[in-house]
Amino acid sequence: MGQESDALHPLIRAAGREAQLPSWAVMSENRRGHADRVARLMKKWAKARALVRGDRIRWRAAGLLHDVLKGVSPARLREEFGFGSEWPDPVLHGPACAVRLRQEGVDDTALLRAIAHHTTGHVDFELLGESLYIADFIEPGRPSRRSFRRELRARMPDGQVEVLTEVAAAKIRGLIDRRLQIPDVTVQFWSGVLAER
């Protein structure tokens, strides 16, 4: 079921149509470049899937907005949004952005979940969430493993199920290699990804 573009929240419409960030965004120039590249991938994949105009706008907006609070310190995000230890510092910007968007009146559950969990994954992701999770990882500006990421991009969006599995495995392997805890939400997501195969 597609969403009509005139039914979109003005903040989502502005981000998805004009690449306009909210006034409360805190992003470095490099981070903005990353968000722009993710948004371009999301727009390309939405178009390739022949999504209705409103959904194409939503997808591009999700790509642009996913890191808008990345420039805020985790301590400030915890203080402002009341997060506990359930969110590790490196991923806190996603849920904080989703909360802030909800405070602004955005009630698009799939988009908010996609943004909140774009780093961790979520077992209840819709196609939008899975796509943002992938785009964030394989966008062309990432400096490491360029050929691996390029090969994954070439398989999108038609090979999304397989690409999602490879991206999730690579991200989890990275956590293990760095001896970092794997969040429960990521463990559940991984089980769901395996069940879809």
N, C-alpha and C. Protein backbone atom coordinates (compact mmCIF):
# COMPACT_ATOMS: atom_id res chain seq x y z
N MET A 1 0.85 -1.18 0.00
CA MET A 1 0.00 0.00 0.00
C MET A 1 0.89 1.24 0.00
N GLY A 2 0.77 2.07 -1.01
CA GLY A 2 1.60 3.25 -1.14
C GLY A 2 1.01 4.45 -0.44
N GLN A 3 1.85 5.41 -0.20
CA GLN A 3 1.43 6.63 0.47
C GLN A 3 1.42 7.77 -0.54
N GLU A 4 0.36 8.55 -0.53
CA GLU A 4 0.26 9.71 -1.41
C GLU A 4 1.19 10.81 -0.92
N SER A 5 1.81 11.53 -1.84
CA SER A 5 2.78 12.55 -1.44
C SER A 5 2.14 13.69 -0.68
N ASP A 6 0.86 14.01 -0.95
CA ASP A 6 0.24 15.11 -0.22
C ASP A 6 -0.16 14.71 1.20
N ALA A 7 -0.09 13.41 1.54
CA ALA A 7 -0.40 12.95 2.89
C ALA A 7 0.85 12.89 3.77
N LEU A 8 2.00 13.18 3.21
CA LEU A 8 3.25 13.10 3.96
C LEU A 8 3.38 14.28 4.92
N HIS A 9 4.04 14.03 6.04
CA HIS A 9 4.35 15.09 6.98
C HIS A 9 5.25 16.11 6.26
N PRO A 10 5.06 17.41 6.51
CA PRO A 10 5.86 18.43 5.80
C PRO A 10 7.37 18.24 5.96
N LEU A 11 7.82 17.79 7.11
CA LEU A 11 9.25 17.59 7.32
C LEU A 11 9.77 16.46 6.42
N ILE A 12 8.99 15.39 6.27
CA ILE A 12 9.37 14.27 5.41
C ILE A 12 9.31 14.70 3.94
N ARG A 13 8.29 15.44 3.60
CA ARG A 13 8.16 15.93 2.22
C ARG A 13 9.34 16.84 1.87
N ALA A 14 9.73 17.75 2.78
CA ALA A 14 10.84 18.67 2.52
C ALA A 14 12.16 17.91 2.36
N ALA A 15 12.36 16.90 3.19
CA ALA A 15 13.59 16.11 3.10
C ALA A 15 13.61 15.27 1.83
N GLY A 16 12.48 14.68 1.49
CA GLY A 16 12.43 13.77 0.36
C GLY A 16 12.31 14.43 -0.99
N ARG A 17 11.80 15.64 -1.02
CA ARG A 17 11.66 16.35 -2.31
C ARG A 17 12.78 17.35 -2.54
N GLU A 18 13.10 18.14 -1.51
CA GLU A 18 14.09 19.20 -1.68
C GLU A 18 15.41 18.94 -0.97
N ALA A 19 15.57 17.76 -0.37
CA ALA A 19 16.78 17.43 0.40
C ALA A 19 17.03 18.45 1.50
N GLN A 20 15.94 18.91 2.12
CA GLN A 20 16.02 19.92 3.18
C GLN A 20 16.06 19.24 4.54
N LEU A 21 17.07 19.59 5.32
CA LEU A 21 17.21 19.06 6.68
C LEU A 21 16.37 19.87 7.66
N PRO A 22 15.93 19.25 8.76
CA PRO A 22 15.21 20.02 9.78
C PRO A 22 16.16 21.01 10.46
N SER A 23 15.60 22.04 11.05
CA SER A 23 16.41 23.08 11.69
C SER A 23 17.24 22.54 12.84
N TRP A 24 16.84 21.44 13.43
CA TRP A 24 17.54 20.87 14.59
C TRP A 24 18.61 19.85 14.20
N ALA A 25 18.87 19.67 12.92
CA ALA A 25 19.89 18.72 12.47
C ALA A 25 21.28 19.18 12.91
N VAL A 26 22.12 18.22 13.33
CA VAL A 26 23.50 18.50 13.71
C VAL A 26 24.37 17.46 12.99
N MET A 27 24.93 17.88 11.85
CA MET A 27 25.72 16.98 11.02
C MET A 27 26.95 17.71 10.50
N SER A 28 28.07 17.00 10.46
CA SER A 28 29.25 17.56 9.84
C SER A 28 29.07 17.55 8.32
N GLU A 29 29.95 18.24 7.62
CA GLU A 29 29.89 18.27 6.16
C GLU A 29 30.09 16.86 5.60
N ASN A 30 31.04 16.10 6.18
CA ASN A 30 31.27 14.73 5.73
C ASN A 30 30.04 13.85 5.97
N ARG A 31 29.40 14.03 7.11
CA ARG A 31 28.21 13.24 7.43
C ARG A 31 27.07 13.60 6.48
N ARG A 32 26.96 14.87 6.13
CA ARG A 32 25.93 15.28 5.18
C ARG A 32 26.18 14.62 3.82
N GLY A 33 27.44 14.53 3.42
CA GLY A 33 27.76 13.84 2.18
C GLY A 33 27.34 12.38 2.22
N HIS A 34 27.60 11.73 3.35
CA HIS A 34 27.17 10.34 3.53
C HIS A 34 25.65 10.23 3.41
N ALA A 35 24.93 11.11 4.10
CA ALA A 35 23.46 11.08 4.06
C ALA A 35 22.94 11.32 2.65
N ASP A 36 23.56 12.22 1.92
CA ASP A 36 23.15 12.48 0.54
C ASP A 36 23.35 11.23 -0.33
N ARG A 37 24.46 10.53 -0.13
CA ARG A 37 24.72 9.32 -0.92
C ARG A 37 23.72 8.21 -0.58
N VAL A 38 23.42 8.07 0.71
CA VAL A 38 22.43 7.08 1.13
C VAL A 38 21.06 7.44 0.53
N ALA A 39 20.71 8.71 0.57
CA ALA A 39 19.43 9.17 0.02
C ALA A 39 19.35 8.88 -1.48
N ARG A 40 20.46 9.07 -2.19
CA ARG A 40 20.47 8.78 -3.64
C ARG A 40 20.23 7.30 -3.91
N LEU A 41 20.87 6.44 -3.12
CA LEU A 41 20.63 5.00 -3.29
C LEU A 41 19.17 4.66 -3.02
N MET A 42 18.63 5.21 -1.92
CA MET A 42 17.24 4.92 -1.56
C MET A 42 16.29 5.39 -2.66
N LYS A 43 16.55 6.56 -3.21
CA LYS A 43 15.72 7.08 -4.31
C LYS A 43 15.81 6.16 -5.53
N LYS A 44 17.02 5.75 -5.86
CA LYS A 44 17.24 4.88 -7.02
C LYS A 44 16.50 3.55 -6.85
N TRP A 45 16.60 2.95 -5.66
CA TRP A 45 15.96 1.66 -5.43
C TRP A 45 14.44 1.78 -5.39
N ALA A 46 13.93 2.87 -4.83
CA ALA A 46 12.47 3.08 -4.82
C ALA A 46 11.95 3.22 -6.24
N LYS A 47 12.69 3.94 -7.07
CA LYS A 47 12.28 4.10 -8.46
C LYS A 47 12.34 2.76 -9.19
N ALA A 48 13.40 1.99 -8.97
CA ALA A 48 13.54 0.68 -9.61
C ALA A 48 12.41 -0.27 -9.21
N ARG A 49 11.88 -0.08 -8.02
CA ARG A 49 10.77 -0.92 -7.53
C ARG A 49 9.41 -0.37 -7.98
N ALA A 50 9.43 0.74 -8.73
CA ALA A 50 8.21 1.37 -9.24
C ALA A 50 7.25 1.73 -8.10
N LEU A 51 7.81 2.23 -7.00
CA LEU A 51 6.97 2.68 -5.89
C LEU A 51 6.24 3.97 -6.27
N VAL A 52 5.09 4.20 -5.66
CA VAL A 52 4.35 5.43 -5.92
C VAL A 52 5.16 6.62 -5.45
N ARG A 53 4.83 7.78 -5.96
CA ARG A 53 5.62 9.00 -5.70
C ARG A 53 5.80 9.27 -4.20
N GLY A 54 4.74 9.12 -3.44
CA GLY A 54 4.84 9.37 -2.00
C GLY A 54 5.84 8.46 -1.32
N ASP A 55 5.87 7.20 -1.72
CA ASP A 55 6.83 6.27 -1.14
C ASP A 55 8.25 6.56 -1.60
N ARG A 56 8.42 7.01 -2.83
CA ARG A 56 9.76 7.39 -3.30
C ARG A 56 10.28 8.56 -2.46
N ILE A 57 9.40 9.50 -2.14
CA ILE A 57 9.78 10.64 -1.30
C ILE A 57 10.15 10.16 0.10
N ARG A 58 9.35 9.25 0.66
CA ARG A 58 9.63 8.69 2.00
C ARG A 58 10.99 8.00 2.03
N TRP A 59 11.28 7.22 1.01
CA TRP A 59 12.55 6.47 0.97
C TRP A 59 13.73 7.43 0.92
N ARG A 60 13.64 8.45 0.07
CA ARG A 60 14.74 9.42 -0.01
C ARG A 60 14.87 10.17 1.32
N ALA A 61 13.75 10.53 1.92
CA ALA A 61 13.79 11.24 3.21
C ALA A 61 14.45 10.38 4.28
N ALA A 62 14.13 9.10 4.33
CA ALA A 62 14.75 8.21 5.32
C ALA A 62 16.27 8.21 5.15
N GLY A 63 16.73 8.15 3.91
CA GLY A 63 18.17 8.17 3.66
C GLY A 63 18.83 9.47 4.10
N LEU A 64 18.16 10.57 3.86
CA LEU A 64 18.72 11.87 4.23
C LEU A 64 18.69 12.10 5.73
N LEU A 65 17.64 11.64 6.40
CA LEU A 65 17.42 11.98 7.81
C LEU A 65 18.05 11.01 8.80
N HIS A 66 18.52 9.86 8.36
CA HIS A 66 18.91 8.82 9.32
C HIS A 66 20.04 9.23 10.26
N ASP A 67 20.89 10.14 9.86
CA ASP A 67 22.04 10.55 10.69
C ASP A 67 21.97 12.01 11.13
N VAL A 68 20.79 12.64 11.11
CA VAL A 68 20.74 14.08 11.38
C VAL A 68 21.16 14.47 12.79
N LEU A 69 21.21 13.52 13.72
CA LEU A 69 21.68 13.84 15.07
C LEU A 69 23.03 13.18 15.38
N LYS A 70 23.73 12.75 14.35
CA LYS A 70 25.03 12.09 14.53
C LYS A 70 26.06 13.03 15.16
N GLY A 71 25.91 14.33 14.96
CA GLY A 71 26.86 15.29 15.49
C GLY A 71 26.61 15.69 16.94
N VAL A 72 25.61 15.10 17.57
CA VAL A 72 25.30 15.39 18.97
C VAL A 72 25.96 14.32 19.84
N SER A 73 26.56 14.72 20.94
CA SER A 73 27.25 13.76 21.79
C SER A 73 26.25 12.77 22.39
N PRO A 74 26.66 11.50 22.57
CA PRO A 74 25.78 10.53 23.21
C PRO A 74 25.30 10.97 24.59
N ALA A 75 26.16 11.64 25.35
CA ALA A 75 25.76 12.11 26.68
C ALA A 75 24.59 13.08 26.58
N ARG A 76 24.67 14.00 25.63
CA ARG A 76 23.57 14.95 25.45
C ARG A 76 22.30 14.27 24.96
N LEU A 77 22.45 13.30 24.05
CA LEU A 77 21.28 12.56 23.57
C LEU A 77 20.62 11.78 24.72
N ARG A 78 21.43 11.16 25.57
CA ARG A 78 20.87 10.43 26.72
C ARG A 78 20.12 11.38 27.65
N GLU A 79 20.72 12.53 27.89
CA GLU A 79 20.10 13.51 28.77
C GLU A 79 18.80 14.05 28.18
N GLU A 80 18.84 14.41 26.89
CA GLU A 80 17.69 15.03 26.25
C GLU A 80 16.53 14.05 26.03
N PHE A 81 16.86 12.79 25.70
CA PHE A 81 15.82 11.83 25.34
C PHE A 81 15.59 10.75 26.39
N GLY A 82 16.38 10.74 27.45
CA GLY A 82 16.15 9.80 28.55
C GLY A 82 16.46 8.35 28.24
N PHE A 83 17.41 8.10 27.33
CA PHE A 83 17.76 6.72 27.00
C PHE A 83 18.59 6.11 28.12
N GLY A 84 18.39 4.80 28.31
CA GLY A 84 19.20 4.05 29.25
C GLY A 84 20.28 3.29 28.52
N SER A 85 20.71 2.19 29.12
CA SER A 85 21.81 1.41 28.57
C SER A 85 21.39 0.49 27.43
N GLU A 86 20.10 0.47 27.10
CA GLU A 86 19.65 -0.40 26.01
C GLU A 86 20.22 0.01 24.65
N TRP A 87 20.69 1.25 24.55
CA TRP A 87 21.27 1.75 23.29
C TRP A 87 22.74 2.08 23.51
N PRO A 88 23.66 1.34 22.87
CA PRO A 88 25.09 1.69 22.96
C PRO A 88 25.34 3.07 22.34
N ASP A 89 26.34 3.76 22.82
CA ASP A 89 26.65 5.12 22.34
C ASP A 89 26.73 5.24 20.81
N PRO A 90 27.42 4.33 20.11
CA PRO A 90 27.58 4.52 18.66
C PRO A 90 26.27 4.49 17.85
N VAL A 91 25.20 3.92 18.40
CA VAL A 91 23.95 3.81 17.64
C VAL A 91 22.86 4.73 18.17
N LEU A 92 23.16 5.50 19.19
CA LEU A 92 22.16 6.31 19.88
C LEU A 92 21.51 7.37 19.00
N HIS A 93 22.23 7.85 17.99
CA HIS A 93 21.70 8.91 17.12
C HIS A 93 20.46 8.46 16.36
N GLY A 94 20.36 7.19 16.01
CA GLY A 94 19.21 6.69 15.26
C GLY A 94 17.91 6.76 16.05
N PRO A 95 17.87 6.12 17.23
CA PRO A 95 16.64 6.23 18.02
C PRO A 95 16.33 7.66 18.45
N ALA A 96 17.36 8.46 18.71
CA ALA A 96 17.12 9.86 19.08
C ALA A 96 16.45 10.61 17.93
N CYS A 97 16.90 10.38 16.72
CA CYS A 97 16.29 11.02 15.56
C CYS A 97 14.84 10.58 15.42
N ALA A 98 14.57 9.29 15.59
CA ALA A 98 13.20 8.80 15.48
C ALA A 98 12.29 9.44 16.54
N VAL A 99 12.79 9.57 17.76
CA VAL A 99 12.00 10.22 18.81
C VAL A 99 11.74 11.67 18.45
N ARG A 100 12.77 12.36 17.97
CA ARG A 100 12.61 13.77 17.61
C ARG A 100 11.61 13.95 16.47
N LEU A 101 11.68 13.07 15.48
CA LEU A 101 10.71 13.14 14.38
C LEU A 101 9.29 12.91 14.89
N ARG A 102 9.13 11.96 15.79
CA ARG A 102 7.81 11.71 16.37
C ARG A 102 7.32 12.94 17.14
N GLN A 103 8.23 13.59 17.87
CA GLN A 103 7.87 14.81 18.59
C GLN A 103 7.42 15.90 17.62
N GLU A 104 7.95 15.89 16.41
CA GLU A 104 7.57 16.88 15.39
C GLU A 104 6.25 16.52 14.72
N GLY A 105 5.71 15.34 15.04
CA GLY A 105 4.42 14.93 14.49
C GLY A 105 4.48 13.87 13.40
N VAL A 106 5.68 13.36 13.12
CA VAL A 106 5.80 12.27 12.13
C VAL A 106 5.27 11.00 12.78
N ASP A 107 4.31 10.36 12.12
CA ASP A 107 3.73 9.13 12.69
C ASP A 107 3.86 7.93 11.75
N ASP A 108 4.82 7.96 10.89
CA ASP A 108 5.09 6.91 9.91
C ASP A 108 5.94 5.82 10.59
N THR A 109 5.28 4.78 11.09
CA THR A 109 5.95 3.76 11.88
C THR A 109 7.10 3.09 11.13
N ALA A 110 6.89 2.73 9.88
CA ALA A 110 7.94 2.06 9.11
C ALA A 110 9.17 2.95 8.94
N LEU A 111 8.96 4.22 8.66
CA LEU A 111 10.06 5.16 8.48
C LEU A 111 10.78 5.40 9.81
N LEU A 112 10.03 5.58 10.88
CA LEU A 112 10.64 5.82 12.18
C LEU A 112 11.45 4.61 12.64
N ARG A 113 10.92 3.41 12.43
CA ARG A 113 11.65 2.19 12.80
C ARG A 113 12.92 2.07 11.95
N ALA A 114 12.81 2.38 10.66
CA ALA A 114 13.98 2.31 9.78
C ALA A 114 15.09 3.22 10.28
N ILE A 115 14.75 4.44 10.64
CA ILE A 115 15.74 5.41 11.11
C ILE A 115 16.30 4.99 12.47
N ALA A 116 15.42 4.59 13.39
CA ALA A 116 15.87 4.21 14.74
C ALA A 116 16.84 3.04 14.70
N HIS A 117 16.61 2.11 13.79
CA HIS A 117 17.39 0.86 13.79
C HIS A 117 18.27 0.69 12.55
N HIS A 118 18.63 1.81 11.90
CA HIS A 118 19.40 1.68 10.67
C HIS A 118 20.78 1.08 10.92
N THR A 119 21.27 1.10 12.13
CA THR A 119 22.56 0.51 12.47
C THR A 119 22.41 -0.90 13.03
N THR A 120 21.38 -1.11 13.85
CA THR A 120 21.23 -2.38 14.56
C THR A 120 20.42 -3.42 13.80
N GLY A 121 19.55 -2.97 12.89
CA GLY A 121 18.57 -3.86 12.29
C GLY A 121 17.40 -4.06 13.24
N HIS A 122 16.30 -4.56 12.71
CA HIS A 122 15.10 -4.82 13.53
C HIS A 122 14.29 -5.93 12.88
N VAL A 123 13.82 -6.85 13.67
CA VAL A 123 13.09 -8.00 13.16
C VAL A 123 11.79 -7.59 12.45
N ASP A 124 11.24 -6.45 12.78
CA ASP A 124 9.99 -5.98 12.17
C ASP A 124 10.20 -4.98 11.04
N PHE A 125 11.42 -4.92 10.50
CA PHE A 125 11.66 -4.04 9.36
C PHE A 125 10.71 -4.38 8.21
N GLU A 126 10.23 -3.33 7.56
CA GLU A 126 9.57 -3.48 6.28
C GLU A 126 10.66 -3.27 5.21
N LEU A 127 10.28 -3.29 3.96
CA LEU A 127 11.24 -3.14 2.88
C LEU A 127 12.04 -1.84 3.01
N LEU A 128 11.40 -0.78 3.45
CA LEU A 128 12.07 0.51 3.66
C LEU A 128 13.20 0.36 4.67
N GLY A 129 12.93 -0.27 5.80
CA GLY A 129 13.95 -0.43 6.84
C GLY A 129 15.12 -1.28 6.38
N GLU A 130 14.81 -2.40 5.71
CA GLU A 130 15.88 -3.24 5.20
C GLU A 130 16.75 -2.47 4.21
N SER A 131 16.11 -1.70 3.35
CA SER A 131 16.84 -0.95 2.33
C SER A 131 17.74 0.11 2.95
N LEU A 132 17.25 0.82 3.96
CA LEU A 132 18.07 1.83 4.62
C LEU A 132 19.25 1.18 5.34
N TYR A 133 19.02 0.07 6.00
CA TYR A 133 20.08 -0.68 6.68
C TYR A 133 21.19 -1.04 5.68
N ILE A 134 20.79 -1.49 4.50
CA ILE A 134 21.75 -1.86 3.46
C ILE A 134 22.45 -0.62 2.90
N ALA A 135 21.67 0.40 2.54
CA ALA A 135 22.24 1.61 1.91
C ALA A 135 23.25 2.29 2.81
N ASP A 136 22.97 2.33 4.09
CA ASP A 136 23.89 2.95 5.04
C ASP A 136 25.24 2.24 5.02
N PHE A 137 25.23 0.95 4.82
CA PHE A 137 26.46 0.16 4.84
C PHE A 137 27.19 0.16 3.50
N ILE A 138 26.48 0.19 2.38
CA ILE A 138 27.16 0.00 1.09
C ILE A 138 27.28 1.26 0.24
N GLU A 139 26.90 2.42 0.80
CA GLU A 139 26.99 3.64 -0.01
C GLU A 139 28.43 3.84 -0.49
N PRO A 140 28.61 4.43 -1.67
CA PRO A 140 29.92 4.46 -2.32
C PRO A 140 30.99 5.29 -1.64
N GLY A 141 30.67 6.09 -0.66
CA GLY A 141 31.68 6.89 0.01
C GLY A 141 32.40 6.17 1.13
N ARG A 142 31.94 5.00 1.50
CA ARG A 142 32.60 4.24 2.57
C ARG A 142 34.00 3.83 2.10
N PRO A 143 35.04 4.13 2.90
CA PRO A 143 36.40 3.91 2.43
C PRO A 143 36.88 2.46 2.47
N SER A 144 36.31 1.63 3.32
CA SER A 144 36.81 0.26 3.44
C SER A 144 36.03 -0.71 2.55
N ARG A 145 36.72 -1.75 2.12
CA ARG A 145 36.11 -2.85 1.36
C ARG A 145 35.31 -2.33 0.16
N ARG A 146 35.91 -1.45 -0.60
CA ARG A 146 35.21 -0.80 -1.71
C ARG A 146 34.68 -1.80 -2.74
N SER A 147 35.47 -2.79 -3.12
CA SER A 147 35.00 -3.73 -4.14
C SER A 147 33.83 -4.57 -3.62
N PHE A 148 33.88 -4.96 -2.36
CA PHE A 148 32.78 -5.71 -1.74
C PHE A 148 31.49 -4.89 -1.77
N ARG A 149 31.60 -3.63 -1.36
CA ARG A 149 30.42 -2.76 -1.33
C ARG A 149 29.90 -2.48 -2.76
N ARG A 150 30.82 -2.29 -3.69
CA ARG A 150 30.42 -2.05 -5.08
C ARG A 150 29.66 -3.26 -5.64
N GLU A 151 30.15 -4.45 -5.35
CA GLU A 151 29.51 -5.67 -5.82
C GLU A 151 28.10 -5.81 -5.22
N LEU A 152 27.96 -5.46 -3.95
CA LEU A 152 26.63 -5.53 -3.31
C LEU A 152 25.68 -4.50 -3.93
N ARG A 153 26.18 -3.29 -4.20
CA ARG A 153 25.33 -2.27 -4.83
C ARG A 153 24.83 -2.73 -6.19
N ALA A 154 25.69 -3.43 -6.94
CA ALA A 154 25.32 -3.89 -8.27
C ALA A 154 24.19 -4.92 -8.22
N ARG A 155 24.02 -5.57 -7.10
CA ARG A 155 22.97 -6.60 -6.96
C ARG A 155 21.66 -6.05 -6.42
N MET A 156 21.64 -4.79 -6.10
CA MET A 156 20.43 -4.17 -5.55
C MET A 156 19.63 -3.50 -6.66
N PRO A 157 18.30 -3.43 -6.55
CA PRO A 157 17.47 -3.96 -5.47
C PRO A 157 16.99 -5.39 -5.70
N ASP A 158 17.25 -5.97 -6.88
CA ASP A 158 16.70 -7.29 -7.18
C ASP A 158 17.20 -8.37 -6.24
N GLY A 159 18.43 -8.29 -5.80
CA GLY A 159 19.00 -9.31 -4.92
C GLY A 159 18.95 -8.94 -3.45
N GLN A 160 17.95 -8.17 -3.05
CA GLN A 160 17.93 -7.62 -1.69
C GLN A 160 17.99 -8.68 -0.60
N VAL A 161 17.32 -9.79 -0.74
CA VAL A 161 17.33 -10.80 0.33
C VAL A 161 18.76 -11.29 0.59
N GLU A 162 19.48 -11.60 -0.48
CA GLU A 162 20.85 -12.09 -0.33
C GLU A 162 21.78 -10.98 0.14
N VAL A 163 21.60 -9.78 -0.39
CA VAL A 163 22.45 -8.66 0.02
C VAL A 163 22.22 -8.34 1.50
N LEU A 164 20.98 -8.37 1.94
CA LEU A 164 20.68 -8.11 3.35
C LEU A 164 21.41 -9.12 4.24
N THR A 165 21.40 -10.38 3.85
CA THR A 165 22.09 -11.41 4.63
C THR A 165 23.59 -11.12 4.70
N GLU A 166 24.18 -10.75 3.57
CA GLU A 166 25.62 -10.48 3.54
C GLU A 166 25.98 -9.24 4.35
N VAL A 167 25.15 -8.20 4.27
CA VAL A 167 25.42 -6.98 5.02
C VAL A 167 25.30 -7.24 6.52
N ALA A 168 24.23 -7.92 6.93
CA ALA A 168 24.04 -8.22 8.35
C ALA A 168 25.20 -9.07 8.88
N ALA A 169 25.62 -10.07 8.11
CA ALA A 169 26.73 -10.92 8.53
C ALA A 169 28.02 -10.10 8.67
N ALA A 170 28.27 -9.21 7.71
CA ALA A 170 29.48 -8.38 7.77
C ALA A 170 29.45 -7.45 8.98
N LYS A 171 28.30 -6.87 9.25
CA LYS A 171 28.20 -5.95 10.40
C LYS A 171 28.37 -6.70 11.71
N ILE A 172 27.77 -7.86 11.82
CA ILE A 172 27.90 -8.65 13.05
C ILE A 172 29.33 -9.14 13.21
N ARG A 173 29.95 -9.59 12.11
CA ARG A 173 31.35 -10.00 12.16
C ARG A 173 32.24 -8.85 12.63
N GLY A 174 31.92 -7.64 12.19
CA GLY A 174 32.70 -6.48 12.63
C GLY A 174 32.59 -6.25 14.13
N LEU A 175 31.39 -6.44 14.68
CA LEU A 175 31.22 -6.32 16.13
C LEU A 175 32.04 -7.37 16.86
N ILE A 176 31.99 -8.59 16.36
CA ILE A 176 32.74 -9.69 16.99
C ILE A 176 34.24 -9.42 16.91
N ASP A 177 34.72 -9.01 15.75
CA ASP A 177 36.15 -8.74 15.58
C ASP A 177 36.64 -7.65 16.52
N ARG A 178 35.78 -6.69 16.80
CA ARG A 178 36.18 -5.60 17.71
C ARG A 178 35.83 -5.90 19.16
N ARG A 179 35.34 -7.11 19.40
CA ARG A 179 34.98 -7.57 20.76
C ARG A 179 33.92 -6.66 21.39
N LEU A 180 32.94 -6.25 20.56
CA LEU A 180 31.85 -5.43 21.05
C LEU A 180 30.61 -6.29 21.25
N GLN A 181 29.79 -5.86 22.18
CA GLN A 181 28.56 -6.60 22.46
C GLN A 181 27.60 -6.48 21.28
N ILE A 182 26.93 -7.57 20.97
CA ILE A 182 25.90 -7.57 19.93
C ILE A 182 24.58 -7.28 20.60
N PRO A 183 23.93 -6.15 20.26
CA PRO A 183 22.66 -5.81 20.91
C PRO A 183 21.60 -6.89 20.68
N ASP A 184 20.73 -7.08 21.65
CA ASP A 184 19.66 -8.09 21.53
C ASP A 184 18.84 -7.88 20.27
N VAL A 185 18.55 -6.62 19.94
CA VAL A 185 17.74 -6.33 18.76
C VAL A 185 18.43 -6.83 17.49
N THR A 186 19.77 -6.80 17.46
CA THR A 186 20.52 -7.28 16.31
C THR A 186 20.49 -8.81 16.24
N VAL A 187 20.57 -9.46 17.39
CA VAL A 187 20.48 -10.92 17.43
C VAL A 187 19.12 -11.37 16.90
N GLN A 188 18.06 -10.70 17.33
CA GLN A 188 16.71 -11.03 16.85
C GLN A 188 16.59 -10.76 15.35
N PHE A 189 17.15 -9.66 14.90
CA PHE A 189 17.14 -9.32 13.49
C PHE A 189 17.84 -10.40 12.67
N TRP A 190 19.02 -10.82 13.12
CA TRP A 190 19.78 -11.85 12.41
C TRP A 190 18.97 -13.15 12.32
N SER A 191 18.32 -13.53 13.40
CA SER A 191 17.47 -14.74 13.36
C SER A 191 16.37 -14.60 12.33
N GLY A 192 15.78 -13.40 12.25
CA GLY A 192 14.73 -13.15 11.27
C GLY A 192 15.25 -13.18 9.84
N VAL A 193 16.46 -12.63 9.63
CA VAL A 193 17.07 -12.65 8.30
C VAL A 193 17.29 -14.09 7.87
N LEU A 194 17.81 -14.92 8.76
CA LEU A 194 18.06 -16.33 8.42
C LEU A 194 16.76 -17.07 8.12
N ALA A 195 15.71 -16.72 8.83
CA ALA A 195 14.42 -17.38 8.62
C ALA A 195 13.83 -17.05 7.24
N GLU A 196 14.17 -15.87 6.70
CA GLU A 196 13.66 -15.45 5.39
C GLU A 196 14.35 -16.15 4.23
N ARG A 197 15.51 -16.69 4.47
CA ARG A 197 16.31 -17.30 3.37
C ARG A 197 15.70 -18.58 2.88
